[in-house]
Amino acid sequence: MGDLAVGARSGHEGPEERPQRPDDSAGPAADDLPGSGGDPSSGGGGAHGSDGQTPRPPKQRSFWKELPLLIGIALVLALLIKTFLVQAFSIPSDSMQNTLQQGDRVLVDKLTPWFGSEPSRGEVVVFHDPDNWLAGEPTASPNALQTVLSWIGLMPSAEEKDLIKRVIGVAGDTIECRNTGPLLVNGKALNEPYVYPGNTPCSVDDQGGQFKVTVPPGKIWVMGDHRQNSLDSRYHQQDRYQGFVPVGNVVGRAIVVAWPPTRWNTLPIPDTFDQGLGSAAPAALGLTGAAPLVLWRRRRITARITAGNPRVPGSGTAG
């Protein structure tokens, strides 16, 4: 008892039987399908149209309509690359011959300075004019196209007052020029095969050819490879930085000559800077800073041993 027979046809009373449609045996009616709504005006609903065919996919946009978007993305990427990664610079003079020729295009790494990396001896670096070094130099007048290309980094900017030289000394280094050379860094002579053929490492003129300087913290000393044709740190010792270049002025390191193709070449650090040119000043500063730490550590070790061993004299325990 209590069981309910649904759809019985024995003549007993039961739930009202639903009239059967002619197509009930094939499945539910169209108006029973989810989402159909049973509205005849909807064209039958479902995934097919009134003609029973699948709808066509949306028409793809033409290339010419997408071209402005592609150009915009390319410009933004180029600007980001120029700002944070790599920038092209043009060589305007002969001061770095034969390493660099006038008209060469170099690519400068701007990424590593963002991570606190400072210039090293022997690197070729681009830096902002520290104190009017470019006074009297001709100023270029670019056209509109050149201005746009320089803005996104595909051409060097005519408005930026930048120079390119080789780093000879960093903070703490003592650099000395005697007679015609060789150039001395912390008392060690440099072998400089990159110096322009026919030039001497040092000049004998009184305006800057003979000098002895010590690089202060946060500065570098730079010289051109064409020693007799480069107004570098030697000839600006009377300015506010005494010829030194602030590290903050350095744009980045030139890593490769990218143009023209016949001049393609990398710009590695010469082997002469690998001979151990350590300066005395940083070593002395390091020793001075390390001494208190070493003494403190020794006192802690002694105190720990004394407290844990009653046989050690002075531990406060009678022997």
C-alpha atoms as a PDB file:
ATOM      1  CA  MET A   1       0.000   0.000   0.000  1.00  0.00           C
ATOM      2  CA  GLY A   2       0.963   3.520  -0.543  1.00  0.00           C
ATOM      3  CA  ASP A   3       2.498   2.837  -3.931  1.00  0.00           C
ATOM      4  CA  LEU A   4       1.302   5.097  -6.727  1.00  0.00           C
ATOM      5  CA  ALA A   5       1.040   3.671 -10.212  1.00  0.00           C
ATOM      6  CA  VAL A   6       1.722   6.360 -12.742  1.00  0.00           C
ATOM      7  CA  GLY A   7       0.261   6.163 -16.218  1.00  0.00           C
ATOM      8  CA  ALA A   8      -1.836   3.020 -15.560  1.00  0.00           C
ATOM      9  CA  ARG A   9      -4.296   2.088 -18.342  1.00  0.00           C
ATOM     10  CA  SER A  10      -6.422  -0.514 -16.484  1.00  0.00           C
ATOM     11  CA  GLY A  11      -9.349   1.837 -16.136  1.00  0.00           C
ATOM     12  CA  HIS A  12      -8.552   2.825 -12.540  1.00  0.00           C
ATOM     13  CA  GLU A  13      -8.275   6.438 -11.646  1.00  0.00           C
ATOM     14  CA  GLY A  14      -4.841   7.907 -11.783  1.00  0.00           C
ATOM     15  CA  PRO A  15      -2.961  10.938 -13.021  1.00  0.00           C
ATOM     16  CA  GLU A  16      -4.298  12.519 -16.138  1.00  0.00           C
ATOM     17  CA  GLU A  17      -2.592  11.034 -19.129  1.00  0.00           C
ATOM     18  CA  ARG A  18      -0.898  13.433 -21.475  1.00  0.00           C
ATOM     19  CA  PRO A  19      -1.939  13.178 -25.109  1.00  0.00           C
ATOM     20  CA  GLN A  20       0.748  11.566 -27.125  1.00  0.00           C
ATOM     21  CA  ARG A  21       2.127  13.440 -30.103  1.00  0.00           C
ATOM     22  CA  PRO A  22       2.912  11.717 -33.311  1.00  0.00           C
ATOM     23  CA  ASP A  23       6.638  12.238 -32.822  1.00  0.00           C
ATOM     24  CA  ASP A  24       6.791  11.405 -29.084  1.00  0.00           C
ATOM     25  CA  SER A  25       8.549   8.154 -29.843  1.00  0.00           C
ATOM     26  CA  ALA A  26      11.465  10.049 -31.385  1.00  0.00           C
ATOM     27  CA  GLY A  27      12.103  12.205 -28.326  1.00  0.00           C
ATOM     28  CA  PRO A  28      10.805  15.319 -26.634  1.00  0.00           C
ATOM     29  CA  ALA A  29       8.924  17.939 -28.552  1.00  0.00           C
ATOM     30  CA  ALA A  30      10.698  20.982 -29.828  1.00  0.00           C
ATOM     31  CA  ASP A  31       8.964  23.202 -27.275  1.00  0.00           C
ATOM     32  CA  ASP A  32      10.301  20.924 -24.494  1.00  0.00           C
ATOM     33  CA  LEU A  33      13.965  21.626 -25.418  1.00  0.00           C
ATOM     34  CA  PRO A  34      15.807  23.902 -23.042  1.00  0.00           C
ATOM     35  CA  GLY A  35      16.001  27.442 -24.309  1.00  0.00           C
ATOM     36  CA  SER A  36      13.445  26.938 -27.078  1.00  0.00           C
ATOM     37  CA  GLY A  37      10.655  28.685 -25.221  1.00  0.00           C
ATOM     38  CA  GLY A  38       8.132  27.080 -27.523  1.00  0.00           C
ATOM     39  CA  ASP A  39       7.714  30.292 -29.439  1.00  0.00           C
ATOM     40  CA  PRO A  40       6.892  29.617 -33.076  1.00  0.00           C
ATOM     41  CA  SER A  41       7.997  33.125 -33.992  1.00  0.00           C
ATOM     42  CA  SER A  42      11.556  32.388 -32.878  1.00  0.00           C
ATOM     43  CA  GLY A  43      12.293  30.474 -36.001  1.00  0.00           C
ATOM     44  CA  GLY A  44      12.546  27.121 -34.288  1.00  0.00           C
ATOM     45  CA  GLY A  45      15.286  28.180 -31.769  1.00  0.00           C
ATOM     46  CA  GLY A  46      18.239  25.843 -31.242  1.00  0.00           C
ATOM     47  CA  ALA A  47      21.622  26.112 -32.909  1.00  0.00           C
ATOM     48  CA  HIS A  48      20.323  26.301 -36.477  1.00  0.00           C
ATOM     49  CA  GLY A  49      18.565  29.051 -38.301  1.00  0.00           C
ATOM     50  CA  SER A  50      15.208  28.847 -39.998  1.00  0.00           C
ATOM     51  CA  ASP A  51      16.840  27.272 -43.028  1.00  0.00           C
ATOM     52  CA  GLY A  52      18.580  24.605 -40.895  1.00  0.00           C
ATOM     53  CA  GLN A  53      22.112  25.850 -41.696  1.00  0.00           C
ATOM     54  CA  THR A  54      24.867  26.716 -39.181  1.00  0.00           C
ATOM     55  CA  PRO A  55      25.381  30.519 -38.763  1.00  0.00           C
ATOM     56  CA  ARG A  56      28.464  31.999 -40.428  1.00  0.00           C
ATOM     57  CA  PRO A  57      31.353  33.081 -38.147  1.00  0.00           C
ATOM     58  CA  PRO A  58      31.892  36.848 -37.728  1.00  0.00           C
ATOM     59  CA  LYS A  59      33.812  38.440 -40.566  1.00  0.00           C
ATOM     60  CA  GLN A  60      37.517  39.023 -39.833  1.00  0.00           C
ATOM     61  CA  ARG A  61      38.750  42.615 -39.810  1.00  0.00           C
ATOM     62  CA  SER A  62      40.815  43.624 -42.791  1.00  0.00           C
ATOM     63  CA  PHE A  63      44.582  44.070 -42.533  1.00  0.00           C
ATOM     64  CA  TRP A  64      44.336  47.800 -43.219  1.00  0.00           C
ATOM     65  CA  LYS A  65      41.979  48.297 -40.279  1.00  0.00           C
ATOM     66  CA  GLU A  66      44.381  46.457 -37.947  1.00  0.00           C
ATOM     67  CA  LEU A  67      47.501  48.188 -39.263  1.00  0.00           C
ATOM     68  CA  PRO A  68      47.186  51.321 -37.046  1.00  0.00           C
ATOM     69  CA  LEU A  69      46.874  49.105 -33.959  1.00  0.00           C
ATOM     70  CA  LEU A  70      49.954  47.105 -34.970  1.00  0.00           C
ATOM     71  CA  ILE A  71      51.929  50.303 -35.553  1.00  0.00           C
ATOM     72  CA  GLY A  72      50.861  51.659 -32.165  1.00  0.00           C
ATOM     73  CA  ILE A  73      51.965  48.492 -30.373  1.00  0.00           C
ATOM     74  CA  ALA A  74      55.294  48.526 -32.228  1.00  0.00           C
ATOM     75  CA  LEU A  75      55.922  52.159 -31.234  1.00  0.00           C
ATOM     76  CA  VAL A  76      55.148  51.482 -27.573  1.00  0.00           C
ATOM     77  CA  LEU A  77      57.476  48.462 -27.536  1.00  0.00           C
ATOM     78  CA  ALA A  78      60.227  50.445 -29.252  1.00  0.00           C
ATOM     79  CA  LEU A  79      59.872  53.247 -26.695  1.00  0.00           C
ATOM     80  CA  LEU A  80      60.056  50.786 -23.793  1.00  0.00           C
ATOM     81  CA  ILE A  81      63.129  49.116 -25.285  1.00  0.00           C
ATOM     82  CA  LYS A  82      64.820  52.474 -25.777  1.00  0.00           C
ATOM     83  CA  THR A  83      64.024  53.590 -22.232  1.00  0.00           C
ATOM     84  CA  PHE A  84      64.936  50.460 -20.321  1.00  0.00           C
ATOM     85  CA  LEU A  85      66.913  48.027 -22.499  1.00  0.00           C
ATOM     86  CA  VAL A  86      68.947  49.137 -25.528  1.00  0.00           C
ATOM     87  CA  GLN A  87      69.400  52.413 -27.379  1.00  0.00           C
ATOM     88  CA  ALA A  88      71.236  53.230 -30.586  1.00  0.00           C
ATOM     89  CA  PHE A  89      73.806  56.035 -30.670  1.00  0.00           C
ATOM     90  CA  SER A  90      75.727  57.568 -33.545  1.00  0.00           C
ATOM     91  CA  ILE A  91      79.459  58.299 -33.356  1.00  0.00           C
ATOM     92  CA  PRO A  92      79.928  61.967 -34.328  1.00  0.00           C
ATOM     93  CA  SER A  93      83.726  62.339 -34.063  1.00  0.00           C
ATOM     94  CA  ASP A  94      87.073  60.553 -34.412  1.00  0.00           C
ATOM     95  CA  SER A  95      87.965  60.571 -30.704  1.00  0.00           C
ATOM     96  CA  MET A  96      87.480  56.777 -30.385  1.00  0.00           C
ATOM     97  CA  GLN A  97      89.338  55.680 -33.531  1.00  0.00           C
ATOM     98  CA  ASN A  98      90.077  52.995 -34.507  1.00  0.00           C
ATOM     99  CA  THR A  99      87.719  51.228 -32.153  1.00  0.00           C
ATOM    100  CA  LEU A 100      84.864  53.378 -33.427  1.00  0.00           C
ATOM    101  CA  GLN A 101      84.698  55.341 -36.647  1.00  0.00           C
ATOM    102  CA  GLN A 102      82.743  58.487 -37.328  1.00  0.00           C
ATOM    103  CA  GLY A 103      79.269  57.485 -38.516  1.00  0.00           C
ATOM    104  CA  ASP A 104      79.190  54.129 -36.724  1.00  0.00           C
ATOM    105  CA  ARG A 105      76.005  53.172 -34.900  1.00  0.00           C
ATOM    106  CA  VAL A 106      76.481  51.459 -31.553  1.00  0.00           C
ATOM    107  CA  LEU A 107      73.957  49.716 -29.332  1.00  0.00           C
ATOM    108  CA  VAL A 108      74.133  50.696 -25.675  1.00  0.00           C
ATOM    109  CA  ASP A 109      73.024  48.433 -22.844  1.00  0.00           C
ATOM    110  CA  LYS A 110      70.796  50.502 -20.540  1.00  0.00           C
ATOM    111  CA  LEU A 111      69.419  47.599 -18.509  1.00  0.00           C
ATOM    112  CA  THR A 112      72.299  46.729 -16.173  1.00  0.00           C
ATOM    113  CA  PRO A 113      72.564  50.237 -14.624  1.00  0.00           C
ATOM    114  CA  TRP A 114      68.950  49.813 -13.456  1.00  0.00           C
ATOM    115  CA  PHE A 115      70.146  46.944 -11.253  1.00  0.00           C
ATOM    116  CA  GLY A 116      72.905  49.012  -9.636  1.00  0.00           C
ATOM    117  CA  SER A 117      75.741  47.913 -11.915  1.00  0.00           C
ATOM    118  CA  GLU A 118      78.479  50.547 -12.211  1.00  0.00           C
ATOM    119  CA  PRO A 119      80.990  51.030 -15.044  1.00  0.00           C
ATOM    120  CA  SER A 120      84.106  48.867 -15.014  1.00  0.00           C
ATOM    121  CA  ARG A 121      87.629  49.624 -16.265  1.00  0.00           C
ATOM    122  CA  GLY A 122      87.982  49.096 -19.995  1.00  0.00           C
ATOM    123  CA  GLU A 123      84.305  49.496 -20.882  1.00  0.00           C
ATOM    124  CA  VAL A 124      83.248  51.890 -23.631  1.00  0.00           C
ATOM    125  CA  VAL A 125      80.439  53.961 -22.144  1.00  0.00           C
ATOM    126  CA  VAL A 126      78.023  56.654 -23.258  1.00  0.00           C
ATOM    127  CA  PHE A 127      77.444  59.424 -20.728  1.00  0.00           C
ATOM    128  CA  HIS A 128      75.685  62.763 -20.482  1.00  0.00           C
ATOM    129  CA  ASP A 129      77.913  65.825 -20.779  1.00  0.00           C
ATOM    130  CA  PRO A 130      79.052  66.405 -17.176  1.00  0.00           C
ATOM    131  CA  ASP A 131      80.083  70.061 -17.449  1.00  0.00           C
ATOM    132  CA  ASN A 132      79.783  71.556 -20.915  1.00  0.00           C
ATOM    133  CA  TRP A 133      82.426  69.350 -22.537  1.00  0.00           C
ATOM    134  CA  LEU A 134      80.647  69.795 -25.873  1.00  0.00           C
ATOM    135  CA  ALA A 135      80.859  73.580 -25.872  1.00  0.00           C
ATOM    136  CA  GLY A 136      81.461  74.844 -29.391  1.00  0.00           C
ATOM    137  CA  GLU A 137      80.514  71.559 -31.047  1.00  0.00           C
ATOM    138  CA  PRO A 138      78.065  71.893 -33.976  1.00  0.00           C
ATOM    139  CA  THR A 139      74.427  71.073 -33.218  1.00  0.00           C
ATOM    140  CA  ALA A 140      72.441  68.964 -35.684  1.00  0.00           C
ATOM    141  CA  SER A 141      69.057  70.112 -37.014  1.00  0.00           C
ATOM    142  CA  PRO A 142      66.958  66.979 -37.565  1.00  0.00           C
ATOM    143  CA  ASN A 143      63.837  66.910 -39.731  1.00  0.00           C
ATOM    144  CA  ALA A 144      60.436  65.681 -38.523  1.00  0.00           C
ATOM    145  CA  LEU A 145      61.060  62.045 -39.466  1.00  0.00           C
ATOM    146  CA  GLN A 146      64.431  61.991 -37.714  1.00  0.00           C
ATOM    147  CA  THR A 147      62.825  63.513 -34.613  1.00  0.00           C
ATOM    148  CA  VAL A 148      60.188  60.755 -34.484  1.00  0.00           C
ATOM    149  CA  LEU A 149      62.769  58.010 -35.054  1.00  0.00           C
ATOM    150  CA  SER A 150      65.016  59.404 -32.340  1.00  0.00           C
ATOM    151  CA  TRP A 151      62.060  59.601 -29.945  1.00  0.00           C
ATOM    152  CA  ILE A 152      61.437  55.854 -30.251  1.00  0.00           C
ATOM    153  CA  GLY A 153      65.138  55.009 -30.197  1.00  0.00           C
ATOM    154  CA  LEU A 154      65.728  54.076 -33.842  1.00  0.00           C
ATOM    155  CA  MET A 155      67.994  57.107 -34.280  1.00  0.00           C
ATOM    156  CA  PRO A 156      70.164  59.029 -31.808  1.00  0.00           C
ATOM    157  CA  SER A 157      68.661  62.211 -30.454  1.00  0.00           C
ATOM    158  CA  ALA A 158      70.210  65.497 -31.569  1.00  0.00           C
ATOM    159  CA  GLU A 159      69.065  67.203 -28.367  1.00  0.00           C
ATOM    160  CA  GLU A 160      70.862  64.862 -25.984  1.00  0.00           C
ATOM    161  CA  LYS A 161      74.397  66.011 -25.185  1.00  0.00           C
ATOM    162  CA  ASP A 162      76.126  62.666 -24.895  1.00  0.00           C
ATOM    163  CA  LEU A 163      79.731  61.544 -25.263  1.00  0.00           C
ATOM    164  CA  ILE A 164      81.389  58.152 -25.682  1.00  0.00           C
ATOM    165  CA  LYS A 165      84.778  57.265 -24.132  1.00  0.00           C
ATOM    166  CA  ARG A 166      86.624  54.360 -22.538  1.00  0.00           C
ATOM    167  CA  VAL A 167      86.648  53.965 -18.749  1.00  0.00           C
ATOM    168  CA  ILE A 168      90.272  54.008 -17.534  1.00  0.00           C
ATOM    169  CA  GLY A 169      89.745  54.340 -13.787  1.00  0.00           C
ATOM    170  CA  VAL A 170      86.984  53.844 -11.229  1.00  0.00           C
ATOM    171  CA  ALA A 171      86.588  55.003  -7.626  1.00  0.00           C
ATOM    172  CA  GLY A 172      89.810  54.622  -5.654  1.00  0.00           C
ATOM    173  CA  ASP A 173      92.105  54.215  -8.682  1.00  0.00           C
ATOM    174  CA  THR A 174      95.218  56.342  -9.074  1.00  0.00           C
ATOM    175  CA  ILE A 175      95.937  57.131 -12.720  1.00  0.00           C
ATOM    176  CA  GLU A 176      99.214  58.613 -13.866  1.00  0.00           C
ATOM    177  CA  CYS A 177     100.627  59.792 -17.161  1.00  0.00           C
ATOM    178  CA  ARG A 178     104.407  60.221 -17.457  1.00  0.00           C
ATOM    179  CA  ASN A 179     105.973  61.592 -20.600  1.00  0.00           C
ATOM    180  CA  THR A 180     104.549  59.612 -23.539  1.00  0.00           C
ATOM    181  CA  GLY A 181     103.528  56.569 -21.528  1.00  0.00           C
ATOM    182  CA  PRO A 182     102.677  53.946 -20.751  1.00  0.00           C
ATOM    183  CA  LEU A 183      99.563  54.933 -18.829  1.00  0.00           C
ATOM    184  CA  LEU A 184      99.703  53.752 -15.203  1.00  0.00           C
ATOM    185  CA  VAL A 185      96.716  52.559 -13.147  1.00  0.00           C
ATOM    186  CA  ASN A 186      97.555  51.958  -9.492  1.00  0.00           C
ATOM    187  CA  GLY A 187     101.206  51.776 -10.469  1.00  0.00           C
ATOM    188  CA  LYS A 188     100.706  49.124 -13.170  1.00  0.00           C
ATOM    189  CA  ALA A 189     101.314  49.882 -16.840  1.00  0.00           C
ATOM    190  CA  LEU A 190      98.506  49.309 -19.313  1.00  0.00           C
ATOM    191  CA  ASN A 191      99.153  47.555 -22.604  1.00  0.00           C
ATOM    192  CA  GLU A 192      96.774  49.438 -24.887  1.00  0.00           C
ATOM    193  CA  PRO A 193      96.501  47.915 -28.380  1.00  0.00           C
ATOM    194  CA  TYR A 194      93.258  49.848 -28.903  1.00  0.00           C
ATOM    195  CA  VAL A 195      95.096  53.204 -28.966  1.00  0.00           C
ATOM    196  CA  TYR A 196      95.039  54.801 -32.420  1.00  0.00           C
ATOM    197  CA  PRO A 197      98.074  53.774 -34.511  1.00  0.00           C
ATOM    198  CA  GLY A 198     100.801  56.420 -34.324  1.00  0.00           C
ATOM    199  CA  ASN A 199      99.487  57.840 -31.032  1.00  0.00           C
ATOM    200  CA  THR A 200     101.332  57.593 -27.738  1.00  0.00           C
ATOM    201  CA  PRO A 201      99.355  56.520 -24.638  1.00  0.00           C
ATOM    202  CA  CYS A 202     100.155  59.864 -23.016  1.00  0.00           C
ATOM    203  CA  SER A 203     100.704  63.323 -24.442  1.00  0.00           C
ATOM    204  CA  VAL A 204     103.542  65.637 -23.481  1.00  0.00           C
ATOM    205  CA  ASP A 205     101.510  68.853 -23.578  1.00  0.00           C
ATOM    206  CA  ASP A 206     101.038  70.835 -20.384  1.00  0.00           C
ATOM    207  CA  GLN A 207      97.275  71.319 -20.688  1.00  0.00           C
ATOM    208  CA  GLY A 208      96.402  67.798 -19.552  1.00  0.00           C
ATOM    209  CA  GLY A 209      98.826  65.367 -21.095  1.00  0.00           C
ATOM    210  CA  GLN A 210     100.799  64.932 -17.867  1.00  0.00           C
ATOM    211  CA  PHE A 211      98.770  64.196 -14.745  1.00  0.00           C
ATOM    212  CA  LYS A 212      98.325  62.093 -11.639  1.00  0.00           C
ATOM    213  CA  VAL A 213      94.816  61.811 -10.217  1.00  0.00           C
ATOM    214  CA  THR A 214      92.883  59.630  -7.775  1.00  0.00           C
ATOM    215  CA  VAL A 215      89.282  58.905  -8.716  1.00  0.00           C
ATOM    216  CA  PRO A 216      86.843  59.923  -5.937  1.00  0.00           C
ATOM    217  CA  PRO A 217      83.799  57.823  -4.947  1.00  0.00           C
ATOM    218  CA  GLY A 218      80.911  57.899  -7.419  1.00  0.00           C
ATOM    219  CA  LYS A 219      83.111  59.029 -10.317  1.00  0.00           C
ATOM    220  CA  ILE A 220      85.028  57.552 -13.262  1.00  0.00           C
ATOM    221  CA  TRP A 221      87.979  58.739 -15.372  1.00  0.00           C
ATOM    222  CA  VAL A 222      87.517  58.415 -19.138  1.00  0.00           C
ATOM    223  CA  MET A 223      89.824  58.767 -22.142  1.00  0.00           C
ATOM    224  CA  GLY A 224      89.402  58.411 -25.889  1.00  0.00           C
ATOM    225  CA  ASP A 225      91.255  55.750 -27.869  1.00  0.00           C
ATOM    226  CA  HIS A 226      92.505  58.436 -30.278  1.00  0.00           C
ATOM    227  CA  ARG A 227      94.648  59.980 -27.550  1.00  0.00           C
ATOM    228  CA  GLN A 228      95.924  62.937 -29.551  1.00  0.00           C
ATOM    229  CA  ASN A 229      92.414  63.785 -30.812  1.00  0.00           C
ATOM    230  CA  SER A 230      90.208  63.436 -27.722  1.00  0.00           C
ATOM    231  CA  LEU A 231      89.175  66.181 -25.307  1.00  0.00           C
ATOM    232  CA  ASP A 232      88.464  63.763 -22.479  1.00  0.00           C
ATOM    233  CA  SER A 233      88.948  63.812 -18.685  1.00  0.00           C
ATOM    234  CA  ARG A 234      92.545  65.039 -19.084  1.00  0.00           C
ATOM    235  CA  TYR A 235      91.453  68.357 -20.544  1.00  0.00           C
ATOM    236  CA  HIS A 236      88.610  69.153 -18.137  1.00  0.00           C
ATOM    237  CA  GLN A 237      90.428  69.080 -14.819  1.00  0.00           C
ATOM    238  CA  GLN A 238      89.475  72.706 -14.201  1.00  0.00           C
ATOM    239  CA  ASP A 239      85.714  72.132 -14.321  1.00  0.00           C
ATOM    240  CA  ARG A 240      83.497  71.503 -11.287  1.00  0.00           C
ATOM    241  CA  TYR A 241      84.102  67.730 -11.410  1.00  0.00           C
ATOM    242  CA  GLN A 242      87.860  68.111 -12.055  1.00  0.00           C
ATOM    243  CA  GLY A 243      87.586  65.999 -15.195  1.00  0.00           C
ATOM    244  CA  PHE A 244      85.802  63.091 -13.525  1.00  0.00           C
ATOM    245  CA  VAL A 245      82.431  61.848 -14.783  1.00  0.00           C
ATOM    246  CA  PRO A 246      79.676  61.158 -12.202  1.00  0.00           C
ATOM    247  CA  VAL A 247      78.470  57.565 -12.392  1.00  0.00           C
ATOM    248  CA  GLY A 248      74.911  58.918 -12.463  1.00  0.00           C
ATOM    249  CA  ASN A 249      75.657  60.522 -15.844  1.00  0.00           C
ATOM    250  CA  VAL A 250      76.433  57.183 -17.465  1.00  0.00           C
ATOM    251  CA  VAL A 251      73.696  56.101 -19.882  1.00  0.00           C
ATOM    252  CA  GLY A 252      75.094  52.616 -20.390  1.00  0.00           C
ATOM    253  CA  ARG A 253      77.818  50.478 -21.901  1.00  0.00           C
ATOM    254  CA  ALA A 254      78.311  50.273 -25.678  1.00  0.00           C
ATOM    255  CA  ILE A 255      78.208  46.550 -26.438  1.00  0.00           C
ATOM    256  CA  VAL A 256      78.223  46.237 -30.224  1.00  0.00           C
ATOM    257  CA  VAL A 257      78.807  48.186 -33.429  1.00  0.00           C
ATOM    258  CA  ALA A 258      75.534  47.569 -35.255  1.00  0.00           C
ATOM    259  CA  TRP A 259      75.942  49.730 -38.381  1.00  0.00           C
ATOM    260  CA  PRO A 260      77.217  49.693 -41.058  1.00  0.00           C
ATOM    261  CA  PRO A 261      77.143  45.914 -41.565  1.00  0.00           C
ATOM    262  CA  THR A 262      80.762  45.893 -42.705  1.00  0.00           C
ATOM    263  CA  ARG A 263      81.772  47.318 -39.315  1.00  0.00           C
ATOM    264  CA  TRP A 264      79.738  44.926 -37.163  1.00  0.00           C
ATOM    265  CA  ASN A 265      81.738  43.995 -34.084  1.00  0.00           C
ATOM    266  CA  THR A 266      81.439  43.529 -30.323  1.00  0.00           C
ATOM    267  CA  LEU A 267      83.131  45.832 -27.810  1.00  0.00           C
ATOM    268  CA  PRO A 268      84.685  43.593 -25.140  1.00  0.00           C
ATOM    269  CA  ILE A 269      86.881  44.697 -22.242  1.00  0.00           C
ATOM    270  CA  PRO A 270      90.558  44.511 -23.294  1.00  0.00           C
ATOM    271  CA  ASP A 271      92.715  41.891 -21.586  1.00  0.00           C
ATOM    272  CA  THR A 272      95.037  44.510 -20.095  1.00  0.00           C
ATOM    273  CA  PHE A 273      92.327  45.374 -17.540  1.00  0.00           C
ATOM    274  CA  ASP A 274      92.316  41.783 -16.242  1.00  0.00           C
ATOM    275  CA  GLN A 275      95.813  41.969 -14.756  1.00  0.00           C
ATOM    276  CA  GLY A 276      94.636  42.721 -11.211  1.00  0.00           C
ATOM    277  CA  LEU A 277      94.550  46.504 -11.046  1.00  0.00           C
ATOM    278  CA  GLY A 278      93.019  46.552  -7.572  1.00  0.00           C
ATOM    279  CA  SER A 279      93.359  49.924  -5.920  1.00  0.00           C
ATOM    280  CA  ALA A 280      94.604  50.401  -2.377  1.00  0.00           C
ATOM    281  CA  ALA A 281      91.772  52.668  -1.304  1.00  0.00           C
ATOM    282  CA  PRO A 282      88.862  50.178  -1.562  1.00  0.00           C
ATOM    283  CA  ALA A 283      90.993  47.454   0.036  1.00  0.00           C
ATOM    284  CA  ALA A 284      91.875  49.721   2.952  1.00  0.00           C
ATOM    285  CA  LEU A 285      88.250  50.743   3.379  1.00  0.00           C
ATOM    286  CA  GLY A 286      87.182  47.102   3.310  1.00  0.00           C
ATOM    287  CA  LEU A 287      89.779  46.163   5.902  1.00  0.00           C
ATOM    288  CA  THR A 288      88.742  49.041   8.133  1.00  0.00           C
ATOM    289  CA  GLY A 289      85.094  48.005   7.928  1.00  0.00           C
ATOM    290  CA  ALA A 290      85.834  44.306   8.483  1.00  0.00           C
ATOM    291  CA  ALA A 291      88.090  44.716  11.537  1.00  0.00           C
ATOM    292  CA  PRO A 292      85.302  45.546  14.062  1.00  0.00           C
ATOM    293  CA  LEU A 293      83.217  42.638  12.761  1.00  0.00           C
ATOM    294  CA  VAL A 294      86.117  40.187  13.165  1.00  0.00           C
ATOM    295  CA  LEU A 295      86.856  41.405  16.719  1.00  0.00           C
ATOM    296  CA  TRP A 296      83.194  41.166  17.702  1.00  0.00           C
ATOM    297  CA  ARG A 297      82.954  37.620  16.347  1.00  0.00           C
ATOM    298  CA  ARG A 298      86.100  36.537  18.211  1.00  0.00           C
ATOM    299  CA  ARG A 299      84.755  37.941  21.487  1.00  0.00           C
ATOM    300  CA  ARG A 300      81.505  36.023  21.072  1.00  0.00           C
ATOM    301  CA  ILE A 301      83.345  32.771  20.384  1.00  0.00           C
ATOM    302  CA  THR A 302      85.628  33.292  23.426  1.00  0.00           C
ATOM    303  CA  ALA A 303      82.671  34.102  25.687  1.00  0.00           C
ATOM    304  CA  ARG A 304      80.791  31.010  24.495  1.00  0.00           C
ATOM    305  CA  ILE A 305      83.773  28.718  25.157  1.00  0.00           C
ATOM    306  CA  THR A 306      84.406  30.269  28.579  1.00  0.00           C
ATOM    307  CA  ALA A 307      80.779  29.867  29.680  1.00  0.00           C
ATOM    308  CA  GLY A 308      80.632  26.221  28.628  1.00  0.00           C
ATOM    309  CA  ASN A 309      83.992  24.962  29.981  1.00  0.00           C
ATOM    310  CA  PRO A 310      84.600  25.258  33.777  1.00  0.00           C
ATOM    311  CA  ARG A 311      88.279  24.406  33.325  1.00  0.00           C
ATOM    312  CA  VAL A 312      88.955  27.564  31.387  1.00  0.00           C
ATOM    313  CA  PRO A 313      90.674  30.164  33.653  1.00  0.00           C
ATOM    314  CA  GLY A 314      88.594  33.203  34.354  1.00  0.00           C
ATOM    315  CA  SER A 315      85.291  31.333  34.144  1.00  0.00           C
ATOM    316  CA  GLY A 316      84.415  32.216  37.751  1.00  0.00           C
ATOM    317  CA  THR A 317      84.831  28.636  38.999  1.00  0.00           C
ATOM    318  CA  ALA A 318      87.628  27.629  41.385  1.00  0.00           C
ATOM    319  CA  GLY A 319      90.123  25.274  39.858  1.00  0.00           C
END
